[in-house]
Amino acid sequence: MQRRRQVVNQDGAVVREVRRASWSPSQLVAVVAGILLVVPGGVGLARAGTSFSHLAFAHSQVAGLGVTPLSALAELAVGVLVLAGGAYPGSAKGTTSFFGVVLLAFGLIVALDDKPFFKNWAYTRGNGIFFIVVGAVLLVTAAVSPIFSSRRAVVVERASTSQADLQAGANSPPPTTAQPTGGTVVSNDPIQPVQYR
């Protein structure tokens, strides 16, 4: 997205200032991470079913990772939030840092002891490692990713010589003319010489 503004500088030239919208690499990483969470969550929800009477009991698998309707809904919701947070550079950094910490910590817990998470979430050690990788990438990106913004000035129209002279003449003091004492004096007016007797 570009924003344009035209100004006239002191020399009388018309300058167009072009500002491009800021962006950050964390936006791209947020989009990729959001897709990696939304797609398995959506597929898992389709495979495990959407019967809310037994959200935690219908186990299924997506890309070798265990999933239940409950875990699929959770991954889908987190993925949508990460995607939404990646819309702007500032929010992308905040979103990637927050969800990076959450996914990294949760992944470590699941990877170290997956038994409490298997019955209701169908999570195994593989799910924990997946969350660790996604969380670590998000966290590192939030820490090192800068925000880029650019501004460029382009001279659209330069002031003509007559305009520059007029402007210079307006700023200079009026010329002084000496009183004539005799003879022929050429006036400042280039039309006719003036005769004095």
Protein backbone atom coordinates (compact mmCIF):
# COMPACT_ATOMS: atom_id res chain seq x y z
CA MET A 1 0.00 0.00 0.00
CA GLN A 2 1.33 3.43 -0.95
CA ARG A 3 0.53 6.88 0.39
CA ARG A 4 1.37 9.91 -1.75
CA ARG A 5 1.60 13.58 -0.89
CA GLN A 6 2.69 16.55 -3.00
CA VAL A 7 4.47 19.54 -1.54
CA VAL A 8 6.19 22.63 -2.96
CA ASN A 9 9.66 23.23 -1.55
CA GLN A 10 11.50 26.56 -1.12
CA ASP A 11 12.86 26.47 -4.68
CA GLY A 12 9.34 26.29 -6.09
CA ALA A 13 9.69 22.66 -7.23
CA VAL A 14 6.76 20.29 -6.80
CA VAL A 15 7.93 17.23 -4.84
CA ARG A 16 5.88 14.06 -4.52
CA GLU A 17 6.52 12.06 -1.36
CA VAL A 18 5.74 8.34 -1.62
CA ARG A 19 5.41 6.27 1.54
CA ARG A 20 5.14 2.51 1.34
CA ALA A 21 3.29 0.56 4.02
CA SER A 22 5.46 -0.93 6.75
CA TRP A 23 6.00 -4.67 6.77
CA SER A 24 7.86 -7.27 8.79
CA PRO A 25 9.11 -10.82 8.08
CA SER A 26 7.19 -11.91 11.17
CA GLN A 27 4.00 -11.38 9.15
CA LEU A 28 5.04 -14.09 6.68
CA VAL A 29 6.04 -16.46 9.48
CA ALA A 30 2.73 -15.82 11.25
CA VAL A 31 0.84 -16.71 8.06
CA VAL A 32 2.81 -19.94 7.59
CA ALA A 33 2.42 -20.96 11.24
CA GLY A 34 -1.29 -20.14 11.15
CA ILE A 35 -1.77 -22.33 8.09
CA LEU A 36 0.19 -25.17 9.75
CA LEU A 37 -2.31 -25.03 12.62
CA VAL A 38 -5.53 -24.30 10.72
CA VAL A 39 -5.17 -27.02 8.07
CA PRO A 40 -4.55 -29.97 10.45
CA GLY A 41 -7.22 -28.60 12.78
CA GLY A 42 -9.79 -28.41 9.99
CA VAL A 43 -8.90 -31.83 8.56
CA GLY A 44 -8.88 -33.35 12.04
CA LEU A 45 -12.28 -31.88 12.78
CA ALA A 46 -13.63 -33.32 9.53
CA ARG A 47 -12.17 -36.78 10.26
CA ALA A 48 -12.98 -37.00 13.96
CA GLY A 49 -16.45 -35.53 13.55
CA THR A 50 -18.25 -32.58 15.05
CA SER A 51 -20.49 -34.33 17.55
CA PHE A 52 -20.17 -32.12 20.61
CA SER A 53 -21.53 -34.85 22.88
CA HIS A 54 -18.20 -36.72 22.70
CA LEU A 55 -15.60 -34.13 21.72
CA ALA A 56 -12.79 -35.89 23.55
CA PHE A 57 -13.47 -39.52 22.63
CA ALA A 58 -13.34 -39.73 18.83
CA HIS A 59 -9.65 -40.22 18.05
CA SER A 60 -8.20 -39.74 14.59
CA GLN A 61 -4.91 -38.88 12.90
CA VAL A 62 -3.74 -36.11 10.57
CA ALA A 63 -0.24 -36.39 9.03
CA GLY A 64 0.70 -38.92 11.70
CA LEU A 65 -0.39 -36.67 14.59
CA GLY A 66 -3.21 -37.65 16.91
CA VAL A 67 -6.31 -35.50 17.03
CA THR A 68 -9.76 -35.40 18.61
CA PRO A 69 -12.59 -32.94 17.89
CA LEU A 70 -11.54 -31.03 21.02
CA SER A 71 -7.88 -30.73 20.03
CA ALA A 72 -8.85 -29.97 16.42
CA LEU A 73 -11.05 -27.08 17.57
CA ALA A 74 -8.24 -25.76 19.78
CA GLU A 75 -5.67 -25.90 16.95
CA LEU A 76 -8.13 -24.31 14.53
CA ALA A 77 -8.83 -21.43 16.94
CA VAL A 78 -5.12 -20.81 17.65
CA GLY A 79 -4.33 -20.92 13.93
CA VAL A 80 -7.01 -18.35 13.11
CA LEU A 81 -5.73 -16.04 15.86
CA VAL A 82 -2.15 -16.32 14.59
CA LEU A 83 -3.31 -15.57 11.03
CA ALA A 84 -5.32 -12.56 12.20
CA GLY A 85 -2.39 -11.28 14.25
CA GLY A 86 -0.13 -11.37 11.20
CA ALA A 87 -2.11 -8.69 9.38
CA TYR A 88 0.01 -5.76 10.64
CA PRO A 89 3.74 -5.57 11.45
CA GLY A 90 3.34 -4.51 15.08
CA SER A 91 0.61 -7.02 15.86
CA ALA A 92 2.54 -9.77 14.04
CA LYS A 93 5.52 -9.38 16.36
CA GLY A 94 3.27 -9.43 19.43
CA THR A 95 1.27 -12.40 18.16
CA THR A 96 4.30 -14.49 17.20
CA SER A 97 6.01 -13.82 20.53
CA PHE A 98 2.90 -14.66 22.61
CA PHE A 99 1.87 -17.81 20.76
CA GLY A 100 5.52 -18.80 20.37
CA VAL A 101 5.91 -18.94 24.15
CA VAL A 102 2.56 -20.71 24.63
CA LEU A 103 3.17 -23.38 21.95
CA LEU A 104 6.77 -23.95 23.02
CA ALA A 105 5.82 -24.44 26.68
CA PHE A 106 2.81 -26.63 25.85
CA GLY A 107 4.86 -28.70 23.40
CA LEU A 108 7.53 -29.32 26.04
CA ILE A 109 4.89 -30.48 28.53
CA VAL A 110 3.30 -32.86 26.00
CA ALA A 111 6.66 -34.20 24.81
CA LEU A 112 7.85 -34.90 28.33
CA ASP A 113 4.66 -36.66 29.46
CA ASP A 114 1.98 -37.35 26.87
CA LYS A 115 -0.15 -39.79 28.88
CA PRO A 116 -2.43 -37.17 30.51
CA PHE A 117 -3.11 -35.65 27.08
CA PHE A 118 -3.84 -38.82 25.13
CA LYS A 119 -7.35 -39.61 26.35
CA ASN A 120 -9.00 -36.22 25.72
CA TRP A 121 -6.64 -34.70 23.17
CA ALA A 122 -5.11 -37.75 21.42
CA TYR A 123 -1.75 -36.05 21.75
CA THR A 124 1.44 -38.09 21.65
CA ARG A 125 5.11 -37.19 21.80
CA GLY A 126 4.97 -36.36 18.08
CA ASN A 127 2.36 -33.67 18.72
CA GLY A 128 4.57 -32.21 21.43
CA ILE A 129 7.58 -32.02 19.09
CA PHE A 130 5.40 -30.38 16.42
CA PHE A 131 4.29 -27.68 18.88
CA ILE A 132 7.90 -27.18 20.06
CA VAL A 133 9.12 -26.57 16.51
CA VAL A 134 6.28 -24.18 15.61
CA GLY A 135 6.59 -22.31 18.92
CA ALA A 136 10.38 -21.98 18.64
CA VAL A 137 10.17 -20.62 15.09
CA LEU A 138 7.54 -18.08 16.14
CA LEU A 139 9.55 -17.01 19.19
CA VAL A 140 12.84 -16.59 17.31
CA THR A 141 11.11 -14.69 14.53
CA ALA A 142 9.52 -12.29 17.01
CA ALA A 143 12.90 -11.67 18.64
CA VAL A 144 14.96 -10.96 15.51
CA SER A 145 12.45 -9.74 12.94
CA PRO A 146 12.63 -5.98 12.21
CA ILE A 147 9.88 -3.73 10.89
CA PHE A 148 10.68 -2.16 7.52
CA SER A 149 9.27 1.14 6.30
CA SER A 150 10.32 3.29 3.36
CA ARG A 151 9.81 6.87 2.22
CA ARG A 152 10.91 8.27 -1.13
CA ALA A 153 10.74 11.81 -2.50
CA VAL A 154 10.42 12.36 -6.25
CA VAL A 155 10.69 15.77 -7.94
CA VAL A 156 7.67 15.98 -10.22
CA GLU A 157 8.10 19.49 -11.65
CA ARG A 158 11.00 21.88 -11.26
CA ALA A 159 10.42 25.62 -11.04
CA SER A 160 11.00 27.47 -14.33
CA THR A 161 13.69 30.17 -14.63
CA SER A 162 11.12 32.97 -14.76
CA GLN A 163 9.39 31.67 -11.65
CA ALA A 164 12.70 31.39 -9.84
CA ASP A 165 13.66 34.92 -10.92
CA LEU A 166 10.31 36.30 -9.83
CA GLN A 167 10.65 34.64 -6.47
CA ALA A 168 14.23 35.91 -6.11
CA GLY A 169 13.10 39.40 -7.13
CA ALA A 170 10.34 39.39 -4.59
CA ASN A 171 12.84 38.68 -1.85
CA SER A 172 15.47 41.25 -2.99
CA PRO A 173 15.29 44.99 -2.10
CA PRO A 174 14.03 47.38 -4.83
CA PRO A 175 16.77 48.94 -7.01
CA THR A 176 17.81 52.50 -6.32
CA THR A 177 18.14 55.05 -9.17
CA ALA A 178 20.56 57.98 -8.92
CA GLN A 179 19.21 61.44 -9.58
CA PRO A 180 20.30 62.70 -13.01
CA THR A 181 22.58 65.73 -13.30
CA GLY A 182 22.64 66.08 -17.05
CA GLY A 183 23.20 64.19 -20.28
CA THR A 184 21.46 61.02 -21.38
CA VAL A 185 20.49 58.39 -18.80
CA VAL A 186 19.15 55.01 -19.71
CA SER A 187 16.33 54.09 -17.38
CA ASN A 188 15.52 50.67 -16.00
CA ASP A 189 12.63 50.54 -18.45
CA PRO A 190 14.05 48.94 -21.62
CA ILE A 191 11.59 50.75 -23.91
CA GLN A 192 13.06 54.28 -24.47
CA PRO A 193 16.06 56.25 -23.23
CA VAL A 194 15.25 59.42 -21.33
CA GLN A 195 16.78 62.79 -22.37
CA TYR A 196 17.62 65.37 -19.68
CA ARG A 197 18.54 69.00 -20.42
